[in-house]
Amino acid sequence: MSMKIRLARGGSKKRPHYAIVASDSRMPRDGRFIEKLGTYNPLLAKDSEDRVKMDVERVQYWLGQGAQPTDRVARFLEAAGLKAKTVRNNPKAAVPGKAAQERAAKKAARNAAPAEE
């Protein structure tokens, strides 16, 4: 059984509230889970203590059992000091989209045309 430590969404529309849960990876996001490990409230300030709450002992237990944290949960674990910080690299994030590249090319062509005359 492939285990994940992930977020299960709760709360109403536009007011999210997440539970940090240990679940089988085949189950739906908000579906059946094995154990609730904590909560995450993204509406609170980033420096608030209540934004992320975790039962550290149970999280360590599940990591010892081979559960894989999702990207967001891994960031919470890094902030809590339970997991080594990983280097993230997304070189495509700084590249402008297709439409922006086309606009830049047109602008460069317009600016180069008067210089040639």
C-alpha atoms as a PDB file:
ATOM      1  CA  MET A   1       0.000   0.000   0.000  1.00  0.00           C
ATOM      2  CA  SER A   2       1.508   3.313  -1.132  1.00  0.00           C
ATOM      3  CA  MET A   3       1.125   5.915   1.597  1.00  0.00           C
ATOM      4  CA  LYS A   4       1.029   9.693   1.250  1.00  0.00           C
ATOM      5  CA  ILE A   5       1.017  12.525   3.743  1.00  0.00           C
ATOM      6  CA  ARG A   6      -1.101  15.172   2.045  1.00  0.00           C
ATOM      7  CA  LEU A   7      -3.705  17.890   2.457  1.00  0.00           C
ATOM      8  CA  ALA A   8      -7.445  17.162   2.491  1.00  0.00           C
ATOM      9  CA  ARG A   9      -9.552  20.249   1.766  1.00  0.00           C
ATOM     10  CA  GLY A  10     -12.371  21.344   3.979  1.00  0.00           C
ATOM     11  CA  GLY A  11     -14.196  24.615   4.507  1.00  0.00           C
ATOM     12  CA  SER A  12     -16.643  26.381   2.278  1.00  0.00           C
ATOM     13  CA  LYS A  13     -16.221  28.089  -1.059  1.00  0.00           C
ATOM     14  CA  LYS A  14     -13.443  30.727  -0.990  1.00  0.00           C
ATOM     15  CA  ARG A  15     -12.685  29.828   2.664  1.00  0.00           C
ATOM     16  CA  PRO A  16     -10.301  26.852   2.494  1.00  0.00           C
ATOM     17  CA  HIS A  17      -9.170  24.897   5.503  1.00  0.00           C
ATOM     18  CA  TYR A  18      -6.983  21.814   5.148  1.00  0.00           C
ATOM     19  CA  ALA A  19      -6.346  18.739   7.247  1.00  0.00           C
ATOM     20  CA  ILE A  20      -2.890  17.145   7.032  1.00  0.00           C
ATOM     21  CA  VAL A  21      -3.655  13.434   6.692  1.00  0.00           C
ATOM     22  CA  ALA A  22      -1.931  10.107   6.144  1.00  0.00           C
ATOM     23  CA  SER A  23      -3.785   8.221   3.443  1.00  0.00           C
ATOM     24  CA  ASP A  24      -3.490   5.574   0.785  1.00  0.00           C
ATOM     25  CA  SER A  25      -2.379   7.289  -2.430  1.00  0.00           C
ATOM     26  CA  ARG A  26      -5.216   5.631  -4.374  1.00  0.00           C
ATOM     27  CA  MET A  27      -7.907   7.379  -2.313  1.00  0.00           C
ATOM     28  CA  PRO A  28      -9.452  10.707  -3.449  1.00  0.00           C
ATOM     29  CA  ARG A  29      -8.035  13.990  -2.145  1.00  0.00           C
ATOM     30  CA  ASP A  30     -10.880  14.622   0.311  1.00  0.00           C
ATOM     31  CA  GLY A  31     -11.789  10.961   0.681  1.00  0.00           C
ATOM     32  CA  ARG A  32     -10.898   8.212   3.099  1.00  0.00           C
ATOM     33  CA  PHE A  33      -7.757   8.638   5.147  1.00  0.00           C
ATOM     34  CA  ILE A  34      -6.040   6.586   7.815  1.00  0.00           C
ATOM     35  CA  GLU A  35      -5.097   9.265  10.329  1.00  0.00           C
ATOM     36  CA  LYS A  36      -5.397  13.028  10.748  1.00  0.00           C
ATOM     37  CA  LEU A  37      -1.955  14.453  11.547  1.00  0.00           C
ATOM     38  CA  GLY A  38      -2.666  18.176  11.763  1.00  0.00           C
ATOM     39  CA  THR A  39      -4.284  21.230  10.198  1.00  0.00           C
ATOM     40  CA  TYR A  40      -3.350  24.042   7.810  1.00  0.00           C
ATOM     41  CA  ASN A  41      -5.307  27.303   7.596  1.00  0.00           C
ATOM     42  CA  PRO A  42      -4.035  29.426   4.667  1.00  0.00           C
ATOM     43  CA  LEU A  43      -6.272  32.352   5.644  1.00  0.00           C
ATOM     44  CA  LEU A  44      -4.177  33.124   8.726  1.00  0.00           C
ATOM     45  CA  ALA A  45      -1.072  35.327   8.596  1.00  0.00           C
ATOM     46  CA  LYS A  46       2.142  33.588   7.549  1.00  0.00           C
ATOM     47  CA  ASP A  47       3.789  34.268  10.901  1.00  0.00           C
ATOM     48  CA  SER A  48       0.819  32.915  12.901  1.00  0.00           C
ATOM     49  CA  GLU A  49       1.470  29.848  15.067  1.00  0.00           C
ATOM     50  CA  ASP A  50      -1.990  28.474  14.268  1.00  0.00           C
ATOM     51  CA  ARG A  51      -1.452  28.493  10.487  1.00  0.00           C
ATOM     52  CA  VAL A  52       0.156  25.028  10.508  1.00  0.00           C
ATOM     53  CA  LYS A  53      -0.342  22.587  13.360  1.00  0.00           C
ATOM     54  CA  MET A  54       1.083  19.055  13.235  1.00  0.00           C
ATOM     55  CA  ASP A  55       1.430  16.088  15.552  1.00  0.00           C
ATOM     56  CA  VAL A  56       5.192  15.765  15.051  1.00  0.00           C
ATOM     57  CA  GLU A  57       5.501  12.290  16.590  1.00  0.00           C
ATOM     58  CA  ARG A  58       2.844  10.799  14.322  1.00  0.00           C
ATOM     59  CA  VAL A  59       4.305  12.491  11.241  1.00  0.00           C
ATOM     60  CA  GLN A  60       7.711  10.981  12.061  1.00  0.00           C
ATOM     61  CA  TYR A  61       6.054   7.594  12.543  1.00  0.00           C
ATOM     62  CA  TRP A  62       4.428   7.710   9.099  1.00  0.00           C
ATOM     63  CA  LEU A  63       7.636   8.918   7.453  1.00  0.00           C
ATOM     64  CA  GLY A  64       9.360   5.937   9.099  1.00  0.00           C
ATOM     65  CA  GLN A  65       6.697   3.662   7.626  1.00  0.00           C
ATOM     66  CA  GLY A  66       7.580   4.939   4.135  1.00  0.00           C
ATOM     67  CA  ALA A  67       4.855   7.541   3.599  1.00  0.00           C
ATOM     68  CA  GLN A  68       5.806  10.143   0.989  1.00  0.00           C
ATOM     69  CA  PRO A  69       4.852  13.776   1.701  1.00  0.00           C
ATOM     70  CA  THR A  70       3.407  15.877  -1.108  1.00  0.00           C
ATOM     71  CA  ASP A  71       5.257  19.049  -2.190  1.00  0.00           C
ATOM     72  CA  ARG A  72       3.283  21.397   0.058  1.00  0.00           C
ATOM     73  CA  VAL A  73       3.461  19.098   3.088  1.00  0.00           C
ATOM     74  CA  ALA A  74       7.200  18.642   2.470  1.00  0.00           C
ATOM     75  CA  ARG A  75       7.597  22.424   2.782  1.00  0.00           C
ATOM     76  CA  PHE A  76       5.761  22.343   6.117  1.00  0.00           C
ATOM     77  CA  LEU A  77       8.052  19.550   7.307  1.00  0.00           C
ATOM     78  CA  GLU A  78      11.129  21.520   6.211  1.00  0.00           C
ATOM     79  CA  ALA A  79       9.905  24.553   8.162  1.00  0.00           C
ATOM     80  CA  ALA A  80       9.354  22.367  11.241  1.00  0.00           C
ATOM     81  CA  GLY A  81      12.830  20.841  10.878  1.00  0.00           C
ATOM     82  CA  LEU A  82      11.565  17.290  10.282  1.00  0.00           C
ATOM     83  CA  LYS A  83      12.934  16.991   6.762  1.00  0.00           C
ATOM     84  CA  ALA A  84      16.109  18.169   5.067  1.00  0.00           C
ATOM     85  CA  LYS A  85      15.580  21.182   2.833  1.00  0.00           C
ATOM     86  CA  THR A  86      15.671  20.318  -0.866  1.00  0.00           C
ATOM     87  CA  VAL A  87      16.892  22.624  -3.595  1.00  0.00           C
ATOM     88  CA  ARG A  88      14.136  23.505  -6.046  1.00  0.00           C
ATOM     89  CA  ASN A  89      14.879  24.557  -9.585  1.00  0.00           C
ATOM     90  CA  ASN A  90      12.245  25.665 -12.068  1.00  0.00           C
ATOM     91  CA  PRO A  91      14.041  27.361 -14.974  1.00  0.00           C
ATOM     92  CA  LYS A  92      10.791  27.682 -16.959  1.00  0.00           C
ATOM     93  CA  ALA A  93       9.262  29.964 -14.320  1.00  0.00           C
ATOM     94  CA  ALA A  94      11.297  32.972 -15.516  1.00  0.00           C
ATOM     95  CA  VAL A  95      10.593  32.433 -19.223  1.00  0.00           C
ATOM     96  CA  PRO A  96       7.767  34.635 -20.566  1.00  0.00           C
ATOM     97  CA  GLY A  97       4.808  32.995 -22.248  1.00  0.00           C
ATOM     98  CA  LYS A  98       4.272  32.652 -25.988  1.00  0.00           C
ATOM     99  CA  ALA A  99       2.197  35.846 -26.375  1.00  0.00           C
ATOM    100  CA  ALA A 100       4.723  37.915 -24.409  1.00  0.00           C
ATOM    101  CA  GLN A 101       7.568  36.573 -26.533  1.00  0.00           C
ATOM    102  CA  GLU A 102       5.673  37.522 -29.718  1.00  0.00           C
ATOM    103  CA  ARG A 103       5.043  41.055 -28.402  1.00  0.00           C
ATOM    104  CA  ALA A 104       8.724  41.440 -27.513  1.00  0.00           C
ATOM    105  CA  ALA A 105       9.751  40.285 -30.983  1.00  0.00           C
ATOM    106  CA  LYS A 106       7.367  42.779 -32.663  1.00  0.00           C
ATOM    107  CA  LYS A 107       8.619  45.596 -30.450  1.00  0.00           C
ATOM    108  CA  ALA A 108      12.240  44.736 -31.233  1.00  0.00           C
ATOM    109  CA  ALA A 109      11.427  44.697 -34.968  1.00  0.00           C
ATOM    110  CA  ARG A 110       9.719  48.123 -34.747  1.00  0.00           C
ATOM    111  CA  ASN A 111      12.649  49.602 -32.823  1.00  0.00           C
ATOM    112  CA  ALA A 112      15.168  48.173 -35.319  1.00  0.00           C
ATOM    113  CA  ALA A 113      13.282  49.469 -38.402  1.00  0.00           C
ATOM    114  CA  PRO A 114      13.813  53.257 -37.779  1.00  0.00           C
ATOM    115  CA  ALA A 115      17.485  52.697 -36.998  1.00  0.00           C
ATOM    116  CA  GLU A 116      18.017  51.155 -40.457  1.00  0.00           C
ATOM    117  CA  GLU A 117      16.490  54.120 -42.341  1.00  0.00           C
END
